[in-house]
Amino acid sequence: MSAHVIASYAIGLATVGGALGAFYAIAGAWKSGRFRVASRKRLIKVIETAALTQHAVLQIVRIGKRYYAIAGGGGNVRVLCELSAADVESGTAA
């Protein structure tokens, strides 16, 4: 092989390695929560999450000024009921 082919191969290999390294760094930052869009006003916030089984969760979610109990599992999500703000903030939701 000529030196030109070997140099082109090395440059291509370095480019792919650099792209994979950058992707790995971005994915790690995304997973750890350090790579988030800064927003002062969030419309949706998960207040609390409880695992019911390995594949099912129950969540209290605030959307705007309203609170909801949401169940999720097996690829499905269902709104169970709306909760009052007073119950959620005092921790006595029934």
Foldseek 3Di string as FASTA:
>chain_A
DDPVVVVVVVVVVVVVVVVVVVVVVVVVCVVVVNDDDDDPDDQKDWPDWDDPDPFKIWTWMHGHNWIFIWIDGPNDIDTPDTWDPVCVVVVNTD
